Amino acid sequence: MTMQSDELVFVGIKGSAMALNRADGTIVWQNHLAGSGFVNLVLEGDNLYATAQGEVFCLDPVTGRYRWHNALRGYGWGIASIVVRNGTDCGKTAVAAAEEQVEAEQQAHLTQTAATTS
């Protein structure tokens, strides 16, 4: 039985990307990408994008198979970030989501304060 990407949790660690079964934490697939350092991952639709040691990879999130790879020659080995835009919340960064959460909590607090002082 093939799993769907929403049944998986993706982990980037020590130059590798892996998918874990969301239900029990078992490793479904793992790929060594590059180096042995930080790996940034972004899931967008049917693509899992990863950066490791200054290189960019596109993987199939269900199988872990490489779709493409760009070594970004000449840019060094620094930590690279990924941003995608697809018109849905899937491309929202964790920072943007956290900012929205804080704003919602502040609004709820203001509403509650106004109700108790009335």
PDB file of N, CA and C in Angstrom:
ATOM      1  N   MET A   1       0.830  -1.179   0.000  1.00  0.00           N
ATOM      2  CA  MET A   1       0.000   0.000   0.000  1.00  0.00           C
ATOM      3  C   MET A   1       0.879   1.248   0.000  1.00  0.00           C
ATOM      4  N   THR A   2       0.662   2.136  -0.932  1.00  0.00           N
ATOM      5  CA  THR A   2       1.415   3.376  -1.022  1.00  0.00           C
ATOM      6  C   THR A   2       0.802   4.412  -0.099  1.00  0.00           C
ATOM      7  N   MET A   3       1.658   5.074   0.647  1.00  0.00           N
ATOM      8  CA  MET A   3       1.189   6.118   1.556  1.00  0.00           C
ATOM      9  C   MET A   3       0.993   7.412   0.781  1.00  0.00           C
ATOM     10  N   GLN A   4       0.206   8.310   1.327  1.00  0.00           N
ATOM     11  CA  GLN A   4       0.008   9.650   0.780  1.00  0.00           C
ATOM     12  C   GLN A   4       0.884  10.618   1.566  1.00  0.00           C
ATOM     13  N   SER A   5       1.214  11.756   0.962  1.00  0.00           N
ATOM     14  CA  SER A   5       2.105  12.700   1.645  1.00  0.00           C
ATOM     15  C   SER A   5       1.510  13.226   2.952  1.00  0.00           C
ATOM     16  N   ASP A   6       0.175  13.288   3.068  1.00  0.00           N
ATOM     17  CA  ASP A   6      -0.412  13.772   4.319  1.00  0.00           C
ATOM     18  C   ASP A   6      -0.330  12.730   5.445  1.00  0.00           C
ATOM     19  N   GLU A   7       0.139  11.522   5.136  1.00  0.00           N
ATOM     20  CA  GLU A   7       0.345  10.487   6.142  1.00  0.00           C
ATOM     21  C   GLU A   7       1.795  10.458   6.635  1.00  0.00           C
ATOM     22  N   LEU A   8       2.600  11.401   6.126  1.00  0.00           N
ATOM     23  CA  LEU A   8       4.028  11.413   6.414  1.00  0.00           C
ATOM     24  C   LEU A   8       4.448  12.668   7.161  1.00  0.00           C
ATOM     25  N   VAL A   9       5.545  12.542   7.890  1.00  0.00           N
ATOM     26  CA  VAL A   9       6.222  13.666   8.529  1.00  0.00           C
ATOM     27  C   VAL A   9       7.619  13.703   7.916  1.00  0.00           C
ATOM     28  N   PHE A  10       8.059  14.879   7.476  1.00  0.00           N
ATOM     29  CA  PHE A  10       9.342  14.999   6.802  1.00  0.00           C
ATOM     30  C   PHE A  10      10.377  15.601   7.731  1.00  0.00           C
ATOM     31  N   VAL A  11      11.570  15.007   7.709  1.00  0.00           N
ATOM     32  CA  VAL A  11      12.661  15.426   8.592  1.00  0.00           C
ATOM     33  C   VAL A  11      13.909  15.654   7.751  1.00  0.00           C
ATOM     34  N   GLY A  12      14.567  16.791   7.989  1.00  0.00           N
ATOM     35  CA  GLY A  12      15.856  17.066   7.381  1.00  0.00           C
ATOM     36  C   GLY A  12      16.905  17.054   8.471  1.00  0.00           C
ATOM     37  N   ILE A  13      17.932  16.221   8.318  1.00  0.00           N
ATOM     38  CA  ILE A  13      18.957  16.098   9.359  1.00  0.00           C
ATOM     39  C   ILE A  13      20.257  15.562   8.763  1.00  0.00           C
ATOM     40  N   LYS A  14      21.371  16.152   9.171  1.00  0.00           N
ATOM     41  CA  LYS A  14      22.709  15.670   8.809  1.00  0.00           C
ATOM     42  C   LYS A  14      22.858  15.389   7.318  1.00  0.00           C
ATOM     43  N   GLY A  15      22.438  16.317   6.477  1.00  0.00           N
ATOM     44  CA  GLY A  15      22.605  16.167   5.041  1.00  0.00           C
ATOM     45  C   GLY A  15      21.632  15.211   4.386  1.00  0.00           C
ATOM     46  N   SER A  16      20.635  14.751   5.130  1.00  0.00           N
ATOM     47  CA  SER A  16      19.675  13.783   4.597  1.00  0.00           C
ATOM     48  C   SER A  16      18.241  14.274   4.780  1.00  0.00           C
ATOM     49  N   ALA A  17      17.360  13.761   3.937  1.00  0.00           N
ATOM     50  CA  ALA A  17      15.921  13.983   4.068  1.00  0.00           C
ATOM     51  C   ALA A  17      15.288  12.624   4.284  1.00  0.00           C
ATOM     52  N   MET A  18      14.238  12.598   5.102  1.00  0.00           N
ATOM     53  CA  MET A  18      13.536  11.337   5.327  1.00  0.00           C
ATOM     54  C   MET A  18      12.063  11.593   5.569  1.00  0.00           C
ATOM     55  N   ALA A  19      11.286  10.566   5.357  1.00  0.00           N
ATOM     56  CA  ALA A  19       9.854  10.608   5.637  1.00  0.00           C
ATOM     57  C   ALA A  19       9.558   9.565   6.694  1.00  0.00           C
ATOM     58  N   LEU A  20       8.783   9.992   7.695  1.00  0.00           N
ATOM     59  CA  LEU A  20       8.355   9.085   8.752  1.00  0.00           C
ATOM     60  C   LEU A  20       6.851   8.872   8.648  1.00  0.00           C
ATOM     61  N   ASN A  21       6.421   7.682   8.967  1.00  0.00           N
ATOM     62  CA  ASN A  21       5.002   7.387   9.044  1.00  0.00           C
ATOM     63  C   ASN A  21       4.428   8.211  10.191  1.00  0.00           C
ATOM     64  N   ARG A  22       3.446   9.059   9.902  1.00  0.00           N
ATOM     65  CA  ARG A  22       2.851   9.940  10.916  1.00  0.00           C
ATOM     66  C   ARG A  22       2.216   9.136  12.056  1.00  0.00           C
ATOM     67  N   ALA A  23       1.713   7.954  11.766  1.00  0.00           N
ATOM     68  CA  ALA A  23       1.008   7.167  12.782  1.00  0.00           C
ATOM     69  C   ALA A  23       1.946   6.496  13.780  1.00  0.00           C
ATOM     70  N   ASP A  24       3.100   5.984  13.308  1.00  0.00           N
ATOM     71  CA  ASP A  24       3.952   5.225  14.235  1.00  0.00           C
ATOM     72  C   ASP A  24       5.420   5.643  14.248  1.00  0.00           C
ATOM     73  N   GLY A  25       5.797   6.620  13.404  1.00  0.00           N
ATOM     74  CA  GLY A  25       7.165   7.139  13.423  1.00  0.00           C
ATOM     75  C   GLY A  25       8.199   6.305  12.696  1.00  0.00           C
ATOM     76  N   THR A  26       7.791   5.221  12.046  1.00  0.00           N
ATOM     77  CA  THR A  26       8.764   4.409  11.325  1.00  0.00           C
ATOM     78  C   THR A  26       9.244   5.153  10.074  1.00  0.00           C
ATOM     79  N   ILE A  27      10.489   4.890   9.683  1.00  0.00           N
ATOM     80  CA  ILE A  27      11.060   5.522   8.493  1.00  0.00           C
ATOM     81  C   ILE A  27      10.458   4.862   7.259  1.00  0.00           C
ATOM     82  N   VAL A  28       9.866   5.673   6.387  1.00  0.00           N
ATOM     83  CA  VAL A  28       9.275   5.185   5.140  1.00  0.00           C
ATOM     84  C   VAL A  28      10.328   5.223   4.036  1.00  0.00           C
ATOM     85  N   TRP A  29      11.082   6.319   3.966  1.00  0.00           N
ATOM     86  CA  TRP A  29      12.203   6.433   3.029  1.00  0.00           C
ATOM     87  C   TRP A  29      13.219   7.428   3.583  1.00  0.00           C
ATOM     88  N   GLN A  30      14.455   7.316   3.097  1.00  0.00           N
ATOM     89  CA  GLN A  30      15.496   8.271   3.460  1.00  0.00           C
ATOM     90  C   GLN A  30      16.463   8.416   2.300  1.00  0.00           C
ATOM     91  N   ASN A  31      16.957   9.633   2.117  1.00  0.00           N
ATOM     92  CA  ASN A  31      17.909   9.950   1.050  1.00  0.00           C
ATOM     93  C   ASN A  31      19.010  10.824   1.599  1.00  0.00           C
ATOM     94  N   HIS A  32      20.246  10.473   1.283  1.00  0.00           N
ATOM     95  CA  HIS A  32      21.339  11.392   1.584  1.00  0.00           C
ATOM     96  C   HIS A  32      21.389  12.409   0.450  1.00  0.00           C
ATOM     97  N   LEU A  33      21.388  13.693   0.803  1.00  0.00           N
ATOM     98  CA  LEU A  33      21.382  14.758  -0.199  1.00  0.00           C
ATOM     99  C   LEU A  33      22.791  15.280  -0.438  1.00  0.00           C
ATOM    100  N   ALA A  34      23.363  15.973   0.551  1.00  0.00           N
ATOM    101  CA  ALA A  34      24.704  16.527   0.419  1.00  0.00           C
ATOM    102  C   ALA A  34      25.241  16.880   1.792  1.00  0.00           C
ATOM    103  N   GLY A  35      26.535  16.725   1.978  1.00  0.00           N
ATOM    104  CA  GLY A  35      27.173  17.125   3.216  1.00  0.00           C
ATOM    105  C   GLY A  35      26.652  16.368   4.422  1.00  0.00           C
ATOM    106  N   SER A  36      26.814  17.019   5.590  1.00  0.00           N
ATOM    107  CA  SER A  36      26.353  16.393   6.832  1.00  0.00           C
ATOM    108  C   SER A  36      25.757  17.426   7.779  1.00  0.00           C
ATOM    109  N   GLY A  37      25.277  18.549   7.213  1.00  0.00           N
ATOM    110  CA  GLY A  37      24.754  19.623   8.045  1.00  0.00           C
ATOM    111  C   GLY A  37      23.257  19.812   7.932  1.00  0.00           C
ATOM    112  N   PHE A  38      22.846  21.043   8.176  1.00  0.00           N
ATOM    113  CA  PHE A  38      21.442  21.443   8.201  1.00  0.00           C
ATOM    114  C   PHE A  38      20.755  21.164   6.862  1.00  0.00           C
ATOM    115  N   VAL A  39      19.522  20.685   6.918  1.00  0.00           N
ATOM    116  CA  VAL A  39      18.693  20.456   5.733  1.00  0.00           C
ATOM    117  C   VAL A  39      17.382  21.213   5.924  1.00  0.00           C
ATOM    118  N   ASN A  40      17.072  22.090   4.985  1.00  0.00           N
ATOM    119  CA  ASN A  40      15.823  22.846   4.991  1.00  0.00           C
ATOM    120  C   ASN A  40      14.844  22.124   4.072  1.00  0.00           C
ATOM    121  N   LEU A  41      13.603  21.919   4.523  1.00  0.00           N
ATOM    122  CA  LEU A  41      12.592  21.231   3.728  1.00  0.00           C
ATOM    123  C   LEU A  41      11.344  22.087   3.600  1.00  0.00           C
ATOM    124  N   VAL A  42      10.728  22.044   2.420  1.00  0.00           N
ATOM    125  CA  VAL A  42       9.436  22.693   2.190  1.00  0.00           C
ATOM    126  C   VAL A  42       8.598  21.757   1.332  1.00  0.00           C
ATOM    127  N   LEU A  43       7.406  21.432   1.821  1.00  0.00           N
ATOM    128  CA  LEU A  43       6.463  20.619   1.058  1.00  0.00           C
ATOM    129  C   LEU A  43       5.484  21.550   0.375  1.00  0.00           C
ATOM    130  N   GLU A  44       5.387  21.420  -0.938  1.00  0.00           N
ATOM    131  CA  GLU A  44       4.454  22.247  -1.704  1.00  0.00           C
ATOM    132  C   GLU A  44       3.787  21.353  -2.741  1.00  0.00           C
ATOM    133  N   GLY A  45       2.516  21.081  -2.523  1.00  0.00           N
ATOM    134  CA  GLY A  45       1.800  20.213  -3.452  1.00  0.00           C
ATOM    135  C   GLY A  45       2.445  18.840  -3.529  1.00  0.00           C
ATOM    136  N   ASP A  46       2.791  18.434  -4.736  1.00  0.00           N
ATOM    137  CA  ASP A  46       3.399  17.121  -4.965  1.00  0.00           C
ATOM    138  C   ASP A  46       4.914  17.169  -5.022  1.00  0.00           C
ATOM    139  N   ASN A  47       5.516  18.207  -4.468  1.00  0.00           N
ATOM    140  CA  ASN A  47       6.966  18.344  -4.463  1.00  0.00           C
ATOM    141  C   ASN A  47       7.470  18.599  -3.049  1.00  0.00           C
ATOM    142  N   LEU A  48       8.567  17.939  -2.700  1.00  0.00           N
ATOM    143  CA  LEU A  48       9.281  18.214  -1.465  1.00  0.00           C
ATOM    144  C   LEU A  48      10.608  18.839  -1.875  1.00  0.00           C
ATOM    145  N   TYR A  49      10.785  20.110  -1.532  1.00  0.00           N
ATOM    146  CA  TYR A  49      12.022  20.822  -1.861  1.00  0.00           C
ATOM    147  C   TYR A  49      12.942  20.749  -0.661  1.00  0.00           C
ATOM    148  N   ALA A  50      14.238  20.582  -0.934  1.00  0.00           N
ATOM    149  CA  ALA A  50      15.222  20.483   0.133  1.00  0.00           C
ATOM    150  C   ALA A  50      16.469  21.252  -0.261  1.00  0.00           C
ATOM    151  N   THR A  51      17.115  21.849   0.736  1.00  0.00           N
ATOM    152  CA  THR A  51      18.438  22.430   0.519  1.00  0.00           C
ATOM    153  C   THR A  51      19.382  21.793   1.515  1.00  0.00           C
ATOM    154  N   ALA A  52      20.584  21.506   1.046  1.00  0.00           N
ATOM    155  CA  ALA A  52      21.629  20.944   1.895  1.00  0.00           C
ATOM    156  C   ALA A  52      22.967  21.368   1.317  1.00  0.00           C
ATOM    157  N   GLN A  53      23.817  21.892   2.148  1.00  0.00           N
ATOM    158  CA  GLN A  53      25.158  22.310   1.765  1.00  0.00           C
ATOM    159  C   GLN A  53      25.160  23.175   0.506  1.00  0.00           C
ATOM    160  N   GLY A  54      24.182  24.105   0.434  1.00  0.00           N
ATOM    161  CA  GLY A  54      24.116  25.051  -0.668  1.00  0.00           C
ATOM    162  C   GLY A  54      23.544  24.492  -1.960  1.00  0.00           C
ATOM    163  N   GLU A  55      23.011  23.285  -1.934  1.00  0.00           N
ATOM    164  CA  GLU A  55      22.420  22.669  -3.120  1.00  0.00           C
ATOM    165  C   GLU A  55      20.909  22.561  -2.932  1.00  0.00           C
ATOM    166  N   VAL A  56      20.171  22.515  -4.053  1.00  0.00           N
ATOM    167  CA  VAL A  56      18.714  22.425  -4.000  1.00  0.00           C
ATOM    168  C   VAL A  56      18.269  21.126  -4.666  1.00  0.00           C
ATOM    169  N   PHE A  57      17.298  20.474  -4.046  1.00  0.00           N
ATOM    170  CA  PHE A  57      16.766  19.210  -4.536  1.00  0.00           C
ATOM    171  C   PHE A  57      15.255  19.286  -4.593  1.00  0.00           C
ATOM    172  N   CYS A  58      14.664  18.578  -5.535  1.00  0.00           N
ATOM    173  CA  CYS A  58      13.218  18.392  -5.584  1.00  0.00           C
ATOM    174  C   CYS A  58      12.980  16.895  -5.532  1.00  0.00           C
ATOM    175  N   LEU A  59      12.194  16.466  -4.532  1.00  0.00           N
ATOM    176  CA  LEU A  59      11.936  15.049  -4.316  1.00  0.00           C
ATOM    177  C   LEU A  59      10.445  14.750  -4.418  1.00  0.00           C
ATOM    178  N   ASP A  60      10.144  13.519  -4.753  1.00  0.00           N
ATOM    179  CA  ASP A  60       8.771  13.033  -4.653  1.00  0.00           C
ATOM    180  C   ASP A  60       8.523  12.772  -3.171  1.00  0.00           C
ATOM    181  N   PRO A  61       7.546  13.428  -2.546  1.00  0.00           N
ATOM    182  CA  PRO A  61       7.358  13.270  -1.112  1.00  0.00           C
ATOM    183  C   PRO A  61       6.912  11.874  -0.676  1.00  0.00           C
ATOM    184  N   VAL A  62       6.299  11.122  -1.554  1.00  0.00           N
ATOM    185  CA  VAL A  62       5.797   9.789  -1.199  1.00  0.00           C
ATOM    186  C   VAL A  62       6.897   8.732  -1.302  1.00  0.00           C
ATOM    187  N   THR A  63       7.755   8.848  -2.329  1.00  0.00           N
ATOM    188  CA  THR A  63       8.775   7.826  -2.559  1.00  0.00           C
ATOM    189  C   THR A  63      10.188   8.276  -2.194  1.00  0.00           C
ATOM    190  N   GLY A  64      10.408   9.592  -2.137  1.00  0.00           N
ATOM    191  CA  GLY A  64      11.751  10.114  -1.888  1.00  0.00           C
ATOM    192  C   GLY A  64      12.621  10.161  -3.125  1.00  0.00           C
ATOM    193  N   ARG A  65      12.088   9.749  -4.258  1.00  0.00           N
ATOM    194  CA  ARG A  65      12.882   9.761  -5.505  1.00  0.00           C
ATOM    195  C   ARG A  65      13.197  11.191  -5.926  1.00  0.00           C
ATOM    196  N   TYR A  66      14.421  11.359  -6.476  1.00  0.00           N
ATOM    197  CA  TYR A  66      14.840  12.665  -6.971  1.00  0.00           C
ATOM    198  C   TYR A  66      14.064  13.034  -8.222  1.00  0.00           C
ATOM    199  N   ARG A  67      13.543  14.239  -8.273  1.00  0.00           N
ATOM    200  CA  ARG A  67      12.928  14.768  -9.490  1.00  0.00           C
ATOM    201  C   ARG A  67      13.927  15.644 -10.222  1.00  0.00           C
ATOM    202  N   TRP A  68      14.650  16.450  -9.472  1.00  0.00           N
ATOM    203  CA  TRP A  68      15.743  17.230 -10.031  1.00  0.00           C
ATOM    204  C   TRP A  68      16.673  17.699  -8.922  1.00  0.00           C
ATOM    205  N   HIS A  69      17.843  18.192  -9.334  1.00  0.00           N
ATOM    206  CA  HIS A  69      18.869  18.655  -8.399  1.00  0.00           C
ATOM    207  C   HIS A  69      19.635  19.785  -9.071  1.00  0.00           C
ATOM    208  N   ASN A  70      19.926  20.842  -8.311  1.00  0.00           N
ATOM    209  CA  ASN A  70      20.741  21.941  -8.807  1.00  0.00           C
ATOM    210  C   ASN A  70      21.824  22.201  -7.771  1.00  0.00           C
ATOM    211  N   ALA A  71      23.081  22.040  -8.164  1.00  0.00           N
ATOM    212  CA  ALA A  71      24.203  22.212  -7.244  1.00  0.00           C
ATOM    213  C   ALA A  71      24.475  23.683  -6.920  1.00  0.00           C
ATOM    214  N   LEU A  72      23.837  24.605  -7.647  1.00  0.00           N
ATOM    215  CA  LEU A  72      24.044  26.041  -7.440  1.00  0.00           C
ATOM    216  C   LEU A  72      25.540  26.368  -7.375  1.00  0.00           C
ATOM    217  N   ARG A  73      26.275  25.864  -8.343  1.00  0.00           N
ATOM    218  CA  ARG A  73      27.725  26.061  -8.388  1.00  0.00           C
ATOM    219  C   ARG A  73      28.082  27.541  -8.327  1.00  0.00           C
ATOM    220  N   GLY A  74      29.085  27.835  -7.535  1.00  0.00           N
ATOM    221  CA  GLY A  74      29.568  29.197  -7.394  1.00  0.00           C
ATOM    222  C   GLY A  74      28.929  29.981  -6.267  1.00  0.00           C
ATOM    223  N   TYR A  75      27.955  29.397  -5.565  1.00  0.00           N
ATOM    224  CA  TYR A  75      27.282  30.099  -4.478  1.00  0.00           C
ATOM    225  C   TYR A  75      27.747  29.661  -3.093  1.00  0.00           C
ATOM    226  N   GLY A  76      28.629  28.710  -3.017  1.00  0.00           N
ATOM    227  CA  GLY A  76      29.145  28.278  -1.719  1.00  0.00           C
ATOM    228  C   GLY A  76      28.271  27.243  -1.045  1.00  0.00           C
ATOM    229  N   TRP A  77      28.604  26.969   0.219  1.00  0.00           N
ATOM    230  CA  TRP A  77      27.949  25.904   0.962  1.00  0.00           C
ATOM    231  C   TRP A  77      27.053  26.420   2.069  1.00  0.00           C
ATOM    232  N   GLY A  78      26.676  27.649   2.040  1.00  0.00           N
ATOM    233  CA  GLY A  78      25.878  28.223   3.120  1.00  0.00           C
ATOM    234  C   GLY A  78      24.488  27.632   3.215  1.00  0.00           C
ATOM    235  N   ILE A  79      23.815  27.958   4.325  1.00  0.00           N
ATOM    236  CA  ILE A  79      22.434  27.531   4.519  1.00  0.00           C
ATOM    237  C   ILE A  79      21.551  28.284   3.539  1.00  0.00           C
ATOM    238  N   ALA A  80      20.734  27.579   2.808  1.00  0.00           N
ATOM    239  CA  ALA A  80      19.839  28.187   1.818  1.00  0.00           C
ATOM    240  C   ALA A  80      18.402  28.068   2.297  1.00  0.00           C
ATOM    241  N   SER A  81      17.618  29.100   2.049  1.00  0.00           N
ATOM    242  CA  SER A  81      16.208  29.054   2.404  1.00  0.00           C
ATOM    243  C   SER A  81      15.378  28.796   1.156  1.00  0.00           C
ATOM    244  N   ILE A  82      14.128  28.374   1.365  1.00  0.00           N
ATOM    245  CA  ILE A  82      13.217  28.061   0.262  1.00  0.00           C
ATOM    246  C   ILE A  82      11.904  28.786   0.506  1.00  0.00           C
ATOM    247  N   VAL A  83      11.383  29.426  -0.515  1.00  0.00           N
ATOM    248  CA  VAL A  83      10.055  30.030  -0.456  1.00  0.00           C
ATOM    249  C   VAL A  83       9.321  29.627  -1.715  1.00  0.00           C
ATOM    250  N   VAL A  84       8.083  29.179  -1.570  1.00  0.00           N
ATOM    251  CA  VAL A  84       7.256  28.837  -2.720  1.00  0.00           C
ATOM    252  C   VAL A  84       5.973  29.627  -2.644  1.00  0.00           C
ATOM    253  N   ARG A  85       5.387  29.869  -3.790  1.00  0.00           N
ATOM    254  CA  ARG A  85       4.109  30.563  -3.824  1.00  0.00           C
ATOM    255  C   ARG A  85       3.218  29.830  -4.811  1.00  0.00           C
ATOM    256  N   ASN A  86       2.118  29.337  -4.290  1.00  0.00           N
ATOM    257  CA  ASN A  86       1.215  28.598  -5.167  1.00  0.00           C
ATOM    258  C   ASN A  86      -0.225  29.038  -5.011  1.00  0.00           C
ATOM    259  N   GLY A  87      -0.456  30.130  -4.297  1.00  0.00           N
ATOM    260  CA  GLY A  87      -1.808  30.643  -4.163  1.00  0.00           C
ATOM    261  C   GLY A  87      -2.638  29.985  -3.083  1.00  0.00           C
ATOM    262  N   THR A  88      -2.022  29.076  -2.309  1.00  0.00           N
ATOM    263  CA  THR A  88      -2.738  28.441  -1.206  1.00  0.00           C
ATOM    264  C   THR A  88      -1.913  28.568   0.055  1.00  0.00           C
ATOM    265  N   ASP A  89      -2.483  28.127   1.158  1.00  0.00           N
ATOM    266  CA  ASP A  89      -1.767  28.177   2.422  1.00  0.00           C
ATOM    267  C   ASP A  89      -0.585  27.219   2.477  1.00  0.00           C
ATOM    268  N   CYS A  90      -0.465  26.295   1.520  1.00  0.00           N
ATOM    269  CA  CYS A  90       0.648  25.349   1.527  1.00  0.00           C
ATOM    270  C   CYS A  90       1.986  26.060   1.438  1.00  0.00           C
ATOM    271  N   GLY A  91       2.023  27.213   0.760  1.00  0.00           N
ATOM    272  CA  GLY A  91       3.270  27.937   0.604  1.00  0.00           C
ATOM    273  C   GLY A  91       3.564  28.895   1.733  1.00  0.00           C
ATOM    274  N   LYS A  92       2.713  28.942   2.743  1.00  0.00           N
ATOM    275  CA  LYS A  92       2.899  29.871   3.853  1.00  0.00           C
ATOM    276  C   LYS A  92       4.097  29.445   4.687  1.00  0.00           C
ATOM    277  N   THR A  93       4.947  30.386   5.037  1.00  0.00           N
ATOM    278  CA  THR A  93       6.100  30.058   5.858  1.00  0.00           C
ATOM    279  C   THR A  93       5.682  29.887   7.301  1.00  0.00           C
ATOM    280  N   ALA A  94       6.511  29.209   8.064  1.00  0.00           N
ATOM    281  CA  ALA A  94       6.234  29.011   9.482  1.00  0.00           C
ATOM    282  C   ALA A  94       6.187  30.346  10.212  1.00  0.00           C
ATOM    283  N   VAL A  95       7.029  31.292   9.792  1.00  0.00           N
ATOM    284  CA  VAL A  95       7.047  32.612  10.426  1.00  0.00           C
ATOM    285  C   VAL A  95       5.721  33.324  10.197  1.00  0.00           C
ATOM    286  N   ALA A  96       5.213  33.299   8.968  1.00  0.00           N
ATOM    287  CA  ALA A  96       3.938  33.948   8.669  1.00  0.00           C
ATOM    288  C   ALA A  96       2.803  33.299   9.459  1.00  0.00           C
ATOM    289  N   ALA A  97       2.820  31.993   9.557  1.00  0.00           N
ATOM    290  CA  ALA A  97       1.784  31.292  10.321  1.00  0.00           C
ATOM    291  C   ALA A  97       1.862  31.665  11.795  1.00  0.00           C
ATOM    292  N   ALA A  98       3.080  31.777  12.339  1.00  0.00           N
ATOM    293  CA  ALA A  98       3.244  32.156  13.744  1.00  0.00           C
ATOM    294  C   ALA A  98       2.767  33.581  13.984  1.00  0.00           C
ATOM    295  N   GLU A  99       3.066  34.480  13.037  1.00  0.00           N
ATOM    296  CA  GLU A  99       2.610  35.871  13.163  1.00  0.00           C
ATOM    297  C   GLU A  99       1.086  35.938  13.157  1.00  0.00           C
ATOM    298  N   GLU A 100       0.428  35.164  12.305  1.00  0.00           N
ATOM    299  CA  GLU A 100      -1.030  35.131  12.266  1.00  0.00           C
ATOM    300  C   GLU A 100      -1.600  34.607  13.585  1.00  0.00           C
ATOM    301  N   GLN A 101      -0.936  33.592  14.162  1.00  0.00           N
ATOM    302  CA  GLN A 101      -1.375  33.021  15.440  1.00  0.00           C
ATOM    303  C   GLN A 101      -1.299  34.067  16.551  1.00  0.00           C
ATOM    304  N   VAL A 102      -0.188  34.796  16.615  1.00  0.00           N
ATOM    305  CA  VAL A 102      -0.018  35.834  17.642  1.00  0.00           C
ATOM    306  C   VAL A 102      -1.075  36.913  17.476  1.00  0.00           C
ATOM    307  N   GLU A 103      -1.311  37.327  16.231  1.00  0.00           N
ATOM    308  CA  GLU A 103      -2.325  38.356  15.970  1.00  0.00           C
ATOM    309  C   GLU A 103      -3.714  37.884  16.411  1.00  0.00           C
ATOM    310  N   ALA A 104      -4.045  36.644  16.124  1.00  0.00           N
ATOM    311  CA  ALA A 104      -5.352  36.100  16.521  1.00  0.00           C
ATOM    312  C   ALA A 104      -5.475  36.035  18.040  1.00  0.00           C
ATOM    313  N   GLU A 105      -4.400  35.640  18.719  1.00  0.00           N
ATOM    314  CA  GLU A 105      -4.425  35.571  20.177  1.00  0.00           C
ATOM    315  C   GLU A 105      -4.567  36.966  20.785  1.00  0.00           C
ATOM    316  N   GLN A 106      -3.877  37.948  20.207  1.00  0.00           N
ATOM    317  CA  GLN A 106      -3.993  39.325  20.699  1.00  0.00           C
ATOM    318  C   GLN A 106      -5.419  39.847  20.513  1.00  0.00           C
ATOM    319  N   GLN A 107      -6.014  39.566  19.358  1.00  0.00           N
ATOM    320  CA  GLN A 107      -7.384  40.005  19.093  1.00  0.00           C
ATOM    321  C   GLN A 107      -8.357  39.343  20.070  1.00  0.00           C
ATOM    322  N   ALA A 108      -8.160  38.071  20.351  1.00  0.00           N
ATOM    323  CA  ALA A 108      -9.022  37.355  21.299  1.00  0.00           C
ATOM    324  C   ALA A 108      -8.877  37.951  22.697  1.00  0.00           C
ATOM    325  N   HIS A 109      -7.655  38.296  23.077  1.00  0.00           N
ATOM    326  CA  HIS A 109      -7.421  38.907  24.389  1.00  0.00           C
ATOM    327  C   HIS A 109      -8.106  40.274  24.480  1.00  0.00           C
ATOM    328  N   LEU A 110      -7.992  41.081  23.423  1.00  0.00           N
ATOM    329  CA  LEU A 110      -8.641  42.392  23.409  1.00  0.00           C
ATOM    330  C   LEU A 110     -10.157  42.257  23.512  1.00  0.00           C
ATOM    331  N   THR A 111     -10.718  41.301  22.787  1.00  0.00           N
ATOM    332  CA  THR A 111     -12.158  41.059  22.816  1.00  0.00           C
ATOM    333  C   THR A 111     -12.594  40.632  24.213  1.00  0.00           C
ATOM    334  N   GLN A 112     -11.824  39.750  24.832  1.00  0.00           N
ATOM    335  CA  GLN A 112     -12.158  39.266  26.170  1.00  0.00           C
ATOM    336  C   GLN A 112     -12.040  40.397  27.190  1.00  0.00           C
ATOM    337  N   THR A 113     -11.019  41.236  27.083  1.00  0.00           N
ATOM    338  CA  THR A 113     -10.824  42.355  27.993  1.00  0.00           C
ATOM    339  C   THR A 113     -11.967  43.350  27.862  1.00  0.00           C
ATOM    340  N   ALA A 114     -12.374  43.642  26.625  1.00  0.00           N
ATOM    341  CA  ALA A 114     -13.487  44.578  26.398  1.00  0.00           C
ATOM    342  C   ALA A 114     -14.780  44.028  26.976  1.00  0.00           C
ATOM    343  N   ALA A 115     -14.991  42.725  26.894  1.00  0.00           N
ATOM    344  CA  ALA A 115     -16.226  42.116  27.406  1.00  0.00           C
ATOM    345  C   ALA A 115     -16.280  42.150  28.932  1.00  0.00           C
ATOM    346  N   THR A 116     -15.144  42.001  29.585  1.00  0.00           N
ATOM    347  CA  THR A 116     -15.130  41.980  31.057  1.00  0.00           C
ATOM    348  C   THR A 116     -15.161  43.369  31.656  1.00  0.00           C
ATOM    349  N   THR A 117     -14.789  44.400  30.898  1.00  0.00           N
ATOM    350  CA  THR A 117     -14.809  45.773  31.428  1.00  0.00           C
ATOM    351  C   THR A 117     -16.116  46.486  31.102  1.00  0.00           C
ATOM    352  N   SER A 118     -16.960  45.849  30.316  1.00  0.00           N
ATOM    353  CA  SER A 118     -18.248  46.479  29.941  1.00  0.00           C
ATOM    354  C   SER A 118     -19.295  46.272  31.004  1.00  0.00           C
TER     355      SER A 118
END
